[in-house]
C-alpha atoms as a PDB file:
ATOM      1  CA  MET A   1      -5.730  57.976  73.651  1.00  0.00           C
ATOM      2  CA  LYS A   2      -2.447  57.667  71.759  1.00  0.00           C
ATOM      3  CA  LYS A   3      -1.685  54.252  73.437  1.00  0.00           C
ATOM      4  CA  LYS A   4      -5.162  52.939  72.495  1.00  0.00           C
ATOM      5  CA  SER A   5      -4.707  53.946  68.861  1.00  0.00           C
ATOM      6  CA  GLN A   6      -1.238  52.288  68.752  1.00  0.00           C
ATOM      7  CA  SER A   7      -2.812  49.081  70.216  1.00  0.00           C
ATOM      8  CA  VAL A   8      -5.510  49.015  67.548  1.00  0.00           C
ATOM      9  CA  SER A   9      -2.980  49.605  64.884  1.00  0.00           C
ATOM     10  CA  ALA A  10      -0.779  46.718  66.212  1.00  0.00           C
ATOM     11  CA  LYS A  11      -3.829  44.358  66.248  1.00  0.00           C
ATOM     12  CA  THR A  12      -4.770  45.331  62.747  1.00  0.00           C
ATOM     13  CA  GLN A  13      -1.298  44.732  61.544  1.00  0.00           C
ATOM     14  CA  LYS A  14      -1.192  41.293  63.323  1.00  0.00           C
ATOM     15  CA  THR A  15      -4.526  40.364  61.679  1.00  0.00           C
ATOM     16  CA  VAL A  16      -3.138  41.293  58.232  1.00  0.00           C
ATOM     17  CA  ASN A  17       0.013  39.244  58.859  1.00  0.00           C
ATOM     18  CA  VAL A  18      -1.929  36.179  59.940  1.00  0.00           C
ATOM     19  CA  ALA A  19      -4.092  36.514  56.716  1.00  0.00           C
ATOM     20  CA  LYS A  20      -0.948  36.727  54.617  1.00  0.00           C
ATOM     21  CA  VAL A  21       0.489  33.600  56.300  1.00  0.00           C
ATOM     22  CA  LYS A  22      -2.746  31.616  55.703  1.00  0.00           C
ATOM     23  CA  LYS A  23      -2.891  32.725  52.179  1.00  0.00           C
ATOM     24  CA  ARG A  24       0.725  31.803  51.598  1.00  0.00           C
ATOM     25  CA  ASN A  25       0.227  28.367  53.242  1.00  0.00           C
ATOM     26  CA  LYS A  26      -2.864  27.673  51.054  1.00  0.00           C
ATOM     27  CA  SER A  27      -0.932  28.775  47.958  1.00  0.00           C
ATOM     28  CA  ALA A  28       1.987  26.524  48.935  1.00  0.00           C
ATOM     29  CA  GLU A  29      -0.364  23.542  49.313  1.00  0.00           C
ATOM     30  CA  VAL A  30      -1.864  24.192  45.849  1.00  0.00           C
ATOM     31  CA  GLU A  31       1.612  24.580  44.361  1.00  0.00           C
ATOM     32  CA  SER A  32       2.884  21.484  46.131  1.00  0.00           C
ATOM     33  CA  ASP A  33       0.032  19.508  44.580  1.00  0.00           C
ATOM     34  CA  PHE A  34       0.844  21.112  41.191  1.00  0.00           C
ATOM     35  CA  GLU A  35       4.544  20.286  41.460  1.00  0.00           C
ATOM     36  CA  SER A  36       3.899  16.643  42.515  1.00  0.00           C
ATOM     37  CA  SER A  37       1.542  16.066  39.634  1.00  0.00           C
ATOM     38  CA  PHE A  38       4.109  17.135  37.136  1.00  0.00           C
ATOM     39  CA  ALA A  39       7.125  15.531  38.828  1.00  0.00           C
ATOM     40  CA  LEU A  40       7.012  12.441  36.672  1.00  0.00           C
ATOM     41  CA  THR A  41       6.967  14.469  33.472  1.00  0.00           C
ATOM     42  CA  ASP A  42       9.026  17.555  34.158  1.00  0.00           C
ATOM     43  CA  GLN A  43      11.854  15.833  36.027  1.00  0.00           C
ATOM     44  CA  SER A  44      11.983  12.494  34.196  1.00  0.00           C
ATOM     45  CA  ARG A  45      11.461  13.719  30.623  1.00  0.00           C
ATOM     46  CA  MET A  46      12.870  17.175  30.809  1.00  0.00           C
ATOM     47  CA  ASP A  47      16.132  16.596  32.665  1.00  0.00           C
ATOM     48  CA  SER A  48      19.418  17.412  31.114  1.00  0.00           C
ATOM     49  CA  GLU A  49      20.047  13.933  29.769  1.00  0.00           C
ATOM     50  CA  SER A  50      16.667  13.759  28.127  1.00  0.00           C
ATOM     51  CA  GLU A  51      17.177  17.313  26.740  1.00  0.00           C
ATOM     52  CA  ALA A  52      20.378  16.237  25.122  1.00  0.00           C
ATOM     53  CA  GLU A  53      18.765  13.244  23.508  1.00  0.00           C
ATOM     54  CA  ASN A  54      15.814  15.173  22.188  1.00  0.00           C
ATOM     55  CA  ASP A  55      17.794  18.295  21.145  1.00  0.00           C
ATOM     56  CA  ILE A  56      15.969  20.477  23.783  1.00  0.00           C
ATOM     57  CA  THR A  57      17.806  23.322  25.407  1.00  0.00           C
ATOM     58  CA  VAL A  58      16.435  25.060  28.558  1.00  0.00           C
ATOM     59  CA  LEU A  59      17.101  28.839  28.879  1.00  0.00           C
ATOM     60  CA  SER A  60      19.977  29.575  31.244  1.00  0.00           C
ATOM     61  CA  ASN A  61      17.727  31.753  33.439  1.00  0.00           C
ATOM     62  CA  ALA A  62      14.943  29.179  33.817  1.00  0.00           C
ATOM     63  CA  ASP A  63      15.971  28.222  37.359  1.00  0.00           C
ATOM     64  CA  ALA A  64      16.167  31.899  38.422  1.00  0.00           C
ATOM     65  CA  ILE A  65      12.658  32.433  37.031  1.00  0.00           C
ATOM     66  CA  ARG A  66      11.370  29.380  39.019  1.00  0.00           C
ATOM     67  CA  TYR A  67      13.079  30.725  42.179  1.00  0.00           C
ATOM     68  CA  ASP A  68      11.664  34.169  41.762  1.00  0.00           C
ATOM     69  CA  SER A  69       8.214  32.631  41.316  1.00  0.00           C
ATOM     70  CA  ASP A  70       8.475  30.470  44.509  1.00  0.00           C
ATOM     71  CA  ASN A  71       9.644  33.564  46.523  1.00  0.00           C
ATOM     72  CA  ASP A  72       7.253  36.103  45.103  1.00  0.00           C
ATOM     73  CA  GLU A  73       5.480  37.724  48.076  1.00  0.00           C
ATOM     74  CA  SER A  74       3.012  39.676  45.967  1.00  0.00           C
ATOM     75  CA  GLY A  75       0.789  36.649  45.661  1.00  0.00           C
ATOM     76  CA  VAL A  76       0.913  36.653  41.835  1.00  0.00           C
ATOM     77  CA  ARG A  77       0.812  33.065  40.520  1.00  0.00           C
ATOM     78  CA  ARG A  78       3.560  32.459  37.871  1.00  0.00           C
ATOM     79  CA  SER A  79       3.890  29.606  35.424  1.00  0.00           C
ATOM     80  CA  LYS A  80       5.904  26.595  36.619  1.00  0.00           C
ATOM     81  CA  ARG A  81       6.563  25.303  33.121  1.00  0.00           C
ATOM     82  CA  ARG A  82      10.117  24.814  32.035  1.00  0.00           C
ATOM     83  CA  ARG A  83      11.423  27.329  29.594  1.00  0.00           C
ATOM     84  CA  ILE A  84      12.870  26.138  26.265  1.00  0.00           C
ATOM     85  CA  LYS A  85      15.133  27.675  23.761  1.00  0.00           C
ATOM     86  CA  PRO A  86      13.216  29.827  21.305  1.00  0.00           C
ATOM     87  CA  LEU A  87      12.336  27.779  18.178  1.00  0.00           C
ATOM     88  CA  ALA A  88      14.162  28.360  14.946  1.00  0.00           C
ATOM     89  CA  TRP A  89      11.194  28.744  12.553  1.00  0.00           C
ATOM     90  CA  TYR A  90      13.458  28.981   9.633  1.00  0.00           C
ATOM     91  CA  LYS A  91      14.602  25.474  10.376  1.00  0.00           C
ATOM     92  CA  CYS A  92      10.982  24.223  10.616  1.00  0.00           C
ATOM     93  CA  GLU A  93      11.304  23.537  14.353  1.00  0.00           C
ATOM     94  CA  ARG A  94       8.127  22.832  16.318  1.00  0.00           C
ATOM     95  CA  PRO A  95       7.313  21.491  19.795  1.00  0.00           C
ATOM     96  CA  VAL A  96       5.841  18.106  20.193  1.00  0.00           C
ATOM     97  CA  TYR A  97       3.412  17.703  23.059  1.00  0.00           C
ATOM     98  CA  GLU A  98       2.306  14.591  24.949  1.00  0.00           C
ATOM     99  CA  ARG A  99      -0.196  13.893  27.651  1.00  0.00           C
ATOM    100  CA  ARG A 100       1.010  13.009  31.137  1.00  0.00           C
ATOM    101  CA  GLN A 101       0.513   9.283  31.933  1.00  0.00           C
ATOM    102  CA  SER A 102       0.135   9.542  35.699  1.00  0.00           C
ATOM    103  CA  GLY A 103      -0.066  12.010  38.589  1.00  0.00           C
ATOM    104  CA  VAL A 104      -2.844  14.043  40.095  1.00  0.00           C
ATOM    105  CA  GLY A 105      -4.188  17.533  39.502  1.00  0.00           C
ATOM    106  CA  LEU A 106      -4.619  19.338  36.179  1.00  0.00           C
ATOM    107  CA  ILE A 107      -4.096  17.291  33.058  1.00  0.00           C
ATOM    108  CA  LEU A 108      -2.098  19.560  30.856  1.00  0.00           C
ATOM    109  CA  PRO A 109       0.034  18.704  27.789  1.00  0.00           C
ATOM    110  CA  THR A 110       3.769  18.954  28.208  1.00  0.00           C
ATOM    111  CA  ILE A 111       6.572  19.303  25.663  1.00  0.00           C
ATOM    112  CA  SER A 112       8.246  15.918  25.105  1.00  0.00           C
ATOM    113  CA  HIS A 113      10.846  17.124  22.519  1.00  0.00           C
ATOM    114  CA  ILE A 114      11.535  19.594  19.702  1.00  0.00           C
ATOM    115  CA  GLU A 115      11.121  18.390  16.070  1.00  0.00           C
ATOM    116  CA  ARG A 116      13.094  19.843  13.282  1.00  0.00           C
ATOM    117  CA  ALA A 117      12.207  18.992   9.698  1.00  0.00           C
ATOM    118  CA  GLY A 118      14.856  18.411   7.057  1.00  0.00           C
ATOM    119  CA  THR A 119      17.911  18.663   9.375  1.00  0.00           C
ATOM    120  CA  ASN A 120      18.015  15.460  11.303  1.00  0.00           C
ATOM    121  CA  THR A 121      18.902  12.066   9.994  1.00  0.00           C
ATOM    122  CA  PRO A 122      16.149  10.732   7.756  1.00  0.00           C
ATOM    123  CA  ALA A 123      13.874   8.124   9.264  1.00  0.00           C
ATOM    124  CA  LYS A 124      15.337   4.617   9.072  1.00  0.00           C
ATOM    125  CA  ARG A 125      13.250   1.656   8.101  1.00  0.00           C
ATOM    126  CA  GLN A 126      13.941  -1.740   9.561  1.00  0.00           C
ATOM    127  CA  PRO A 127      15.645  -4.233   7.272  1.00  0.00           C
ATOM    128  CA  HIS A 128      13.235  -5.659   4.843  1.00  0.00           C
ATOM    129  CA  LYS A 129      11.646  -8.971   5.668  1.00  0.00           C
ATOM    130  CA  SER A 130      10.106 -11.031   3.002  1.00  0.00           C
ATOM    131  CA  SER A 131       6.336 -11.441   3.256  1.00  0.00           C
ATOM    132  CA  HIS A 132       6.652 -15.139   2.551  1.00  0.00           C
ATOM    133  CA  LYS A 133       8.771 -17.587   4.353  1.00  0.00           C
ATOM    134  CA  SER A 134      11.405 -19.330   2.314  1.00  0.00           C
ATOM    135  CA  LYS A 135      10.923 -23.024   1.992  1.00  0.00           C
ATOM    136  CA  THR A 136      14.634 -23.634   1.213  1.00  0.00           C
ATOM    137  CA  THR A 137      16.764 -24.540   4.140  1.00  0.00           C
ATOM    138  CA  PRO A 138      20.363 -23.280   4.355  1.00  0.00           C
ATOM    139  CA  PHE A 139      22.969 -25.334   2.575  1.00  0.00           C
ATOM    140  CA  PRO A 140      24.895 -27.617   5.062  1.00  0.00           C
ATOM    141  CA  ILE A 141      28.426 -26.363   5.555  1.00  0.00           C
ATOM    142  CA  ASP A 142      29.658 -29.958   5.714  1.00  0.00           C
ATOM    143  CA  ASP A 143      28.621 -30.495   2.158  1.00  0.00           C
ATOM    144  CA  LEU A 144      30.989 -27.820   0.848  1.00  0.00           C
ATOM    145  CA  PRO A 145      34.341 -28.861  -0.722  1.00  0.00           C
ATOM    146  CA  SER A 146      36.660 -29.551   2.115  1.00  0.00           C
ATOM    147  CA  GLU A 147      39.764 -28.426   0.236  1.00  0.00           C
ATOM    148  CA  TYR A 148      38.644 -24.812   0.260  1.00  0.00           C
ATOM    149  CA  SER A 149      37.973 -22.296   3.092  1.00  0.00           C
ATOM    150  CA  TYR A 150      35.060 -19.751   3.011  1.00  0.00           C
ATOM    151  CA  LEU A 151      35.321 -16.325   4.592  1.00  0.00           C
ATOM    152  CA  ALA A 152      32.589 -15.209   6.940  1.00  0.00           C
ATOM    153  CA  THR A 153      33.459 -11.477   6.502  1.00  0.00           C
ATOM    154  CA  ASP A 154      32.411  -9.017   3.866  1.00  0.00           C
ATOM    155  CA  THR A 155      35.888  -7.823   2.869  1.00  0.00           C
ATOM    156  CA  GLY A 156      38.832  -9.357   0.982  1.00  0.00           C
ATOM    157  CA  ASN A 157      42.181  -8.478  -0.513  1.00  0.00           C
ATOM    158  CA  ILE A 158      41.238  -7.039  -3.906  1.00  0.00           C
ATOM    159  CA  TRP A 159      43.195  -5.255  -6.603  1.00  0.00           C
ATOM    160  CA  ASP A 160      42.539  -1.510  -6.657  1.00  0.00           C
ATOM    161  CA  GLU A 161      42.973  -0.229 -10.208  1.00  0.00           C
ATOM    162  CA  LEU A 162      42.668   3.372  -9.177  1.00  0.00           C
ATOM    163  CA  ASN A 163      45.623   3.156  -6.895  1.00  0.00           C
ATOM    164  CA  SER A 164      47.449   0.262  -8.638  1.00  0.00           C
ATOM    165  CA  ASP A 165      47.808  -1.764  -5.451  1.00  0.00           C
ATOM    166  CA  THR A 166      46.088  -4.500  -3.445  1.00  0.00           C
ATOM    167  CA  LYS A 167      43.596  -3.148  -0.975  1.00  0.00           C
ATOM    168  CA  LYS A 168      41.239  -4.516   1.776  1.00  0.00           C
ATOM    169  CA  THR A 169      37.868  -3.930   0.099  1.00  0.00           C
ATOM    170  CA  ARG A 170      34.239  -4.605   1.075  1.00  0.00           C
ATOM    171  CA  VAL A 171      32.943  -6.687  -1.779  1.00  0.00           C
ATOM    172  CA  ILE A 172      29.916  -8.419  -0.165  1.00  0.00           C
ATOM    173  CA  GLY A 173      26.657  -6.723   0.769  1.00  0.00           C
ATOM    174  CA  ARG A 174      24.471  -8.683   3.082  1.00  0.00           C
ATOM    175  CA  SER A 175      20.762  -8.194   2.662  1.00  0.00           C
ATOM    176  CA  LYS A 176      20.050  -8.355   6.496  1.00  0.00           C
ATOM    177  CA  ALA A 177      22.597  -5.570   7.104  1.00  0.00           C
ATOM    178  CA  SER A 178      21.250  -3.099   4.617  1.00  0.00           C
ATOM    179  CA  GLU A 179      19.252  -0.038   5.718  1.00  0.00           C
ATOM    180  CA  VAL A 180      16.856   2.066   3.711  1.00  0.00           C
ATOM    181  CA  PHE A 181      15.765   5.641   4.119  1.00  0.00           C
ATOM    182  CA  ALA A 182      12.544   7.465   3.178  1.00  0.00           C
ATOM    183  CA  LEU A 183      12.510   9.152  -0.246  1.00  0.00           C
ATOM    184  CA  PRO A 184      10.726  12.378  -1.203  1.00  0.00           C
ATOM    185  CA  GLY A 185       7.113  11.383  -1.848  1.00  0.00           C
ATOM    186  CA  ILE A 186       4.114  12.586  -3.714  1.00  0.00           C
ATOM    187  CA  GLU A 187       1.225  14.151  -1.734  1.00  0.00           C
ATOM    188  CA  GLY A 188      -1.458  11.667  -1.093  1.00  0.00           C
ATOM    189  CA  LEU A 189       0.679   8.559  -1.784  1.00  0.00           C
ATOM    190  CA  PRO A 190       2.967   6.539   0.492  1.00  0.00           C
ATOM    191  CA  CYS A 191       6.614   7.382  -0.069  1.00  0.00           C
ATOM    192  CA  GLY A 192       9.271   4.869  -1.164  1.00  0.00           C
ATOM    193  CA  TYR A 193      12.511   3.735   0.531  1.00  0.00           C
ATOM    194  CA  ALA A 194      15.966   3.347  -0.825  1.00  0.00           C
ATOM    195  CA  GLY A 195      19.307   2.279   0.394  1.00  0.00           C
ATOM    196  CA  GLN A 196      22.816   2.100  -1.087  1.00  0.00           C
ATOM    197  CA  THR A 197      24.806  -1.219  -0.842  1.00  0.00           C
ATOM    198  CA  PHE A 198      27.856   0.085  -2.551  1.00  0.00           C
ATOM    199  CA  ASN A 199      29.048   3.570  -3.477  1.00  0.00           C
ATOM    200  CA  LEU A 200      32.473   3.583  -5.118  1.00  0.00           C
ATOM    201  CA  PRO A 201      34.119   6.734  -6.386  1.00  0.00           C
ATOM    202  CA  GLY A 202      35.840   6.558  -9.689  1.00  0.00           C
ATOM    203  CA  GLY A 203      38.856   8.280 -11.119  1.00  0.00           C
ATOM    204  CA  PRO A 204      40.108  10.031 -14.273  1.00  0.00           C
ATOM    205  CA  THR A 205      39.434   6.950 -16.316  1.00  0.00           C
ATOM    206  CA  LEU A 206      37.179   4.858 -14.054  1.00  0.00           C
ATOM    207  CA  PRO A 207      33.489   5.537 -13.608  1.00  0.00           C
ATOM    208  CA  THR A 208      31.767   6.132 -10.231  1.00  0.00           C
ATOM    209  CA  TRP A 209      29.028   3.642  -9.486  1.00  0.00           C
ATOM    210  CA  ILE A 210      26.351   3.002  -6.887  1.00  0.00           C
ATOM    211  CA  SER A 211      24.229  -0.051  -6.233  1.00  0.00           C
ATOM    212  CA  GLY A 212      21.305  -0.683  -3.842  1.00  0.00           C
ATOM    213  CA  ARG A 213      17.627  -1.322  -3.571  1.00  0.00           C
ATOM    214  CA  LEU A 214      14.370   0.577  -3.785  1.00  0.00           C
ATOM    215  CA  LEU A 215      11.253  -0.380  -1.931  1.00  0.00           C
ATOM    216  CA  LEU A 216       7.732   0.884  -2.840  1.00  0.00           C
ATOM    217  CA  PRO A 217       4.900   0.034  -0.434  1.00  0.00           C
ATOM    218  CA  PRO A 218       1.408  -0.702  -1.820  1.00  0.00           C
ATOM    219  CA  ASN A 219       0.116   2.301  -3.672  1.00  0.00           C
ATOM    220  CA  GLY A 220       3.526   3.923  -3.162  1.00  0.00           C
ATOM    221  CA  ALA A 221       5.239   6.169  -5.662  1.00  0.00           C
ATOM    222  CA  LYS A 222       8.637   7.685  -6.357  1.00  0.00           C
ATOM    223  CA  GLN A 223       8.916  11.306  -7.433  1.00  0.00           C
ATOM    224  CA  PRO A 224       9.944  11.880 -11.133  1.00  0.00           C
ATOM    225  CA  GLU A 225      13.729  12.010 -11.343  1.00  0.00           C
ATOM    226  CA  SER A 226      16.178  13.237 -14.007  1.00  0.00           C
ATOM    227  CA  VAL A 227      19.303  10.929 -14.130  1.00  0.00           C
ATOM    228  CA  GLY A 228      21.551  13.685 -15.580  1.00  0.00           C
ATOM    229  CA  ASN A 229      24.779  12.263 -17.050  1.00  0.00           C
ATOM    230  CA  CYS A 230      24.303   8.952 -15.285  1.00  0.00           C
ATOM    231  CA  THR A 231      22.883   5.662 -16.641  1.00  0.00           C
ATOM    232  CA  GLN A 232      20.696   3.691 -14.207  1.00  0.00           C
ATOM    233  CA  THR A 233      19.694   0.030 -14.570  1.00  0.00           C
ATOM    234  CA  PHE A 234      17.009  -1.784 -12.585  1.00  0.00           C
ATOM    235  CA  VAL A 235      16.003  -5.301 -11.849  1.00  0.00           C
ATOM    236  CA  VAL A 236      12.512  -6.050 -10.427  1.00  0.00           C
ATOM    237  CA  LEU A 237      12.875  -8.608  -7.625  1.00  0.00           C
ATOM    238  CA  GLN A 238       9.365  -8.567  -6.223  1.00  0.00           C
ATOM    239  CA  CYS A 239       5.949  -7.122  -7.086  1.00  0.00           C
ATOM    240  CA  GLN A 240       2.467  -8.164  -8.029  1.00  0.00           C
ATOM    241  CA  PRO A 241       2.742  -9.176 -11.687  1.00  0.00           C
ATOM    242  CA  GLY A 242       1.867  -6.283 -13.909  1.00  0.00           C
ATOM    243  CA  SER A 243       1.507  -3.817 -11.058  1.00  0.00           C
ATOM    244  CA  LEU A 244       4.796  -1.809 -11.190  1.00  0.00           C
ATOM    245  CA  GLU A 245       4.691   1.155 -13.491  1.00  0.00           C
ATOM    246  CA  VAL A 246       7.759   2.853 -15.024  1.00  0.00           C
ATOM    247  CA  ALA A 247       7.182   6.011 -16.931  1.00  0.00           C
ATOM    248  CA  TYR A 248       9.657   7.936 -19.142  1.00  0.00           C
ATOM    249  CA  ALA A 249       9.336  11.604 -19.853  1.00  0.00           C
ATOM    250  CA  ASP A 250       8.683  12.636 -23.462  1.00  0.00           C
ATOM    251  CA  PRO A 251      12.090  13.977 -24.696  1.00  0.00           C
ATOM    252  CA  SER A 252      10.340  16.897 -26.529  1.00  0.00           C
ATOM    253  CA  GLU A 253       8.931  18.176 -23.203  1.00  0.00           C
ATOM    254  CA  GLY A 254      12.244  18.900 -21.471  1.00  0.00           C
ATOM    255  CA  SER A 255      10.839  17.745 -18.128  1.00  0.00           C
ATOM    256  CA  PHE A 256       8.558  15.005 -16.828  1.00  0.00           C
ATOM    257  CA  ASP A 257       4.881  15.585 -17.668  1.00  0.00           C
ATOM    258  CA  HIS A 258       2.365  12.946 -16.512  1.00  0.00           C
ATOM    259  CA  GLU A 259       0.103  13.732 -19.472  1.00  0.00           C
ATOM    260  CA  THR A 260       2.728  12.982 -22.141  1.00  0.00           C
ATOM    261  CA  ALA A 261       4.785  10.337 -20.371  1.00  0.00           C
ATOM    262  CA  GLN A 262       5.319   6.847 -21.886  1.00  0.00           C
ATOM    263  CA  ARG A 263       4.239   4.185 -19.388  1.00  0.00           C
ATOM    264  CA  PHE A 264       5.165   0.525 -18.987  1.00  0.00           C
ATOM    265  CA  LEU A 265       4.035  -2.228 -16.596  1.00  0.00           C
ATOM    266  CA  LEU A 266       6.591  -4.607 -15.086  1.00  0.00           C
ATOM    267  CA  SER A 267       6.527  -8.037 -13.330  1.00  0.00           C
ATOM    268  CA  PRO A 268       9.033  -9.866 -11.174  1.00  0.00           C
ATOM    269  CA  GLY A 269      12.244 -10.600 -13.060  1.00  0.00           C
ATOM    270  CA  ASP A 270      11.858  -7.725 -15.574  1.00  0.00           C
ATOM    271  CA  GLU A 271      14.681  -5.197 -16.021  1.00  0.00           C
ATOM    272  CA  TYR A 272      14.701  -1.695 -17.421  1.00  0.00           C
ATOM    273  CA  PHE A 273      17.237   1.169 -17.726  1.00  0.00           C
ATOM    274  CA  VAL A 274      17.218   4.977 -17.968  1.00  0.00           C
ATOM    275  CA  PRO A 275      19.764   6.507 -20.338  1.00  0.00           C
ATOM    276  CA  PRO A 276      21.550   9.819 -19.604  1.00  0.00           C
ATOM    277  CA  GLN A 277      19.571  13.043 -19.729  1.00  0.00           C
ATOM    278  CA  ASN A 278      16.177  11.280 -19.271  1.00  0.00           C
ATOM    279  CA  ALA A 279      13.582  11.493 -16.458  1.00  0.00           C
ATOM    280  CA  TYR A 280      11.570   8.577 -15.058  1.00  0.00           C
ATOM    281  CA  TYR A 281       8.806   7.912 -12.611  1.00  0.00           C
ATOM    282  CA  LEU A 282       7.910   4.759 -10.593  1.00  0.00           C
ATOM    283  CA  ARG A 283       4.660   3.754  -9.018  1.00  0.00           C
ATOM    284  CA  ASN A 284       3.366   0.484  -7.357  1.00  0.00           C
ATOM    285  CA  HIS A 285      -0.290   0.090  -8.241  1.00  0.00           C
ATOM    286  CA  SER A 286      -0.750  -3.019  -6.098  1.00  0.00           C
ATOM    287  CA  LYS A 287      -2.925  -2.544  -3.098  1.00  0.00           C
ATOM    288  CA  THR A 288      -1.474  -5.494  -1.133  1.00  0.00           C
ATOM    289  CA  VAL A 289       2.088  -6.354  -2.379  1.00  0.00           C
ATOM    290  CA  GLU A 290       5.293  -4.369  -1.811  1.00  0.00           C
ATOM    291  CA  ALA A 291       7.582  -3.806  -4.813  1.00  0.00           C
ATOM    292  CA  GLU A 292      11.359  -4.366  -4.477  1.00  0.00           C
ATOM    293  CA  VAL A 293      13.734  -3.216  -7.183  1.00  0.00           C
ATOM    294  CA  ARG A 294      17.604  -3.415  -7.259  1.00  0.00           C
ATOM    295  CA  PHE A 295      19.505  -0.720  -9.073  1.00  0.00           C
ATOM    296  CA  VAL A 296      22.993   0.276 -10.330  1.00  0.00           C
ATOM    297  CA  ILE A 297      23.860   3.875 -11.140  1.00  0.00           C
ATOM    298  CA  MET A 298      26.832   4.514 -13.372  1.00  0.00           C
ATOM    299  CA  LYS A 299      28.442   8.011 -13.641  1.00  0.00           C
ATOM    300  CA  PRO A 300      30.938   8.724 -16.420  1.00  0.00           C
ATOM    301  CA  SER A 301      34.567   9.271 -15.533  1.00  0.00           C
ATOM    302  CA  ARG A 302      36.069  12.763 -15.408  1.00  0.00           C
ATOM    303  CA  LEU A 303      37.937  12.002 -18.725  1.00  0.00           C
ATOM    304  CA  GLN A 304      34.746  10.943 -20.406  1.00  0.00           C
ATOM    305  CA  LEU A 305      32.907  14.129 -19.136  1.00  0.00           C
ATOM    306  CA  ALA A 306      35.734  16.342 -20.286  1.00  0.00           C
ATOM    307  CA  THR A 307      35.800  14.693 -23.695  1.00  0.00           C
ATOM    308  CA  ALA A 308      32.064  15.022 -24.062  1.00  0.00           C
ATOM    309  CA  GLU A 309      32.145  18.701 -23.003  1.00  0.00           C
ATOM    310  CA  LYS A 310      34.898  19.423 -25.494  1.00  0.00           C
ATOM    311  CA  ALA A 311      32.971  17.741 -28.324  1.00  0.00           C
ATOM    312  CA  THR A 312      29.798  19.763 -27.421  1.00  0.00           C
ATOM    313  CA  THR A 313      31.778  23.062 -27.468  1.00  0.00           C
ATOM    314  CA  SER A 314      33.397  22.201 -30.783  1.00  0.00           C
ATOM    315  CA  SER A 315      30.006  21.318 -32.284  1.00  0.00           C
ATOM    316  CA  LYS A 316      28.530  24.693 -31.189  1.00  0.00           C
ATOM    317  CA  LYS A 317      31.473  26.610 -32.770  1.00  0.00           C
ATOM    318  CA  LYS A 318      30.944  24.802 -36.063  1.00  0.00           C
ATOM    319  CA  THR A 319      27.263  25.612 -35.994  1.00  0.00           C
ATOM    320  CA  LYS A 320      27.984  29.318 -35.545  1.00  0.00           C
END
């Protein structure tokens, strides 16, 4: 009777083992299909090289988690998705998902990269190309005076007044080589783009100055800006005639107010400037033509600032 009971128990155990093996094989087939369907995404887009390019960091224990999942005999299905470093919400990080382009099985979104607002390099815009082709052909080199030579570089030996010496200095800014970056915009309107061609620091007696260009797409606007101690001058190169608006803040307001601002309309070839301690605003009202403006920003020298501060302090003392 005891032997018969042991035989039944052995058969029952064998049946249970066979069922477990079949279940495990079936699970392996499903998981194999799942893995193959994500191979093109997980392995090609989430490998270490891609992670470095997209600023994605996988948790150090991700591989261990995947191994435990594969060797879990309890039959519990665990996620096969790659783990990523916890997002820094205070840096405005967020995952960017994309749909798989190929493969079989479930179509699920996968993380392509992590986007962080305000910490990465601002988006670059391609060098500006004129909307109209120039009808003027390049000047023939052979027609230039033969007794002179012309440099193809952007630098030359120039006197440096700040250091009282000759210095190799970049003095030419090529239009094709300049880059522009997105400016803070106004909600509901396209943002503008600006780029610096030159940015030269001054000294005790020499002013600091910056030059460059500003682009406003159709219906684009630039946020109101106070120039502080600087003086800014602008030349309108391109726009639809009468479509470019420049507005100055009312001095009595203390800050820019759209209700009380003084507004002017500009056309190609026009110039304007913003004196120190004033605020201005730009908008391109054209629906079809981009506006291009060249600017120069001049900041007073340290000696000028010190003199002005001293005069202000002296005036306040006399008033008291």
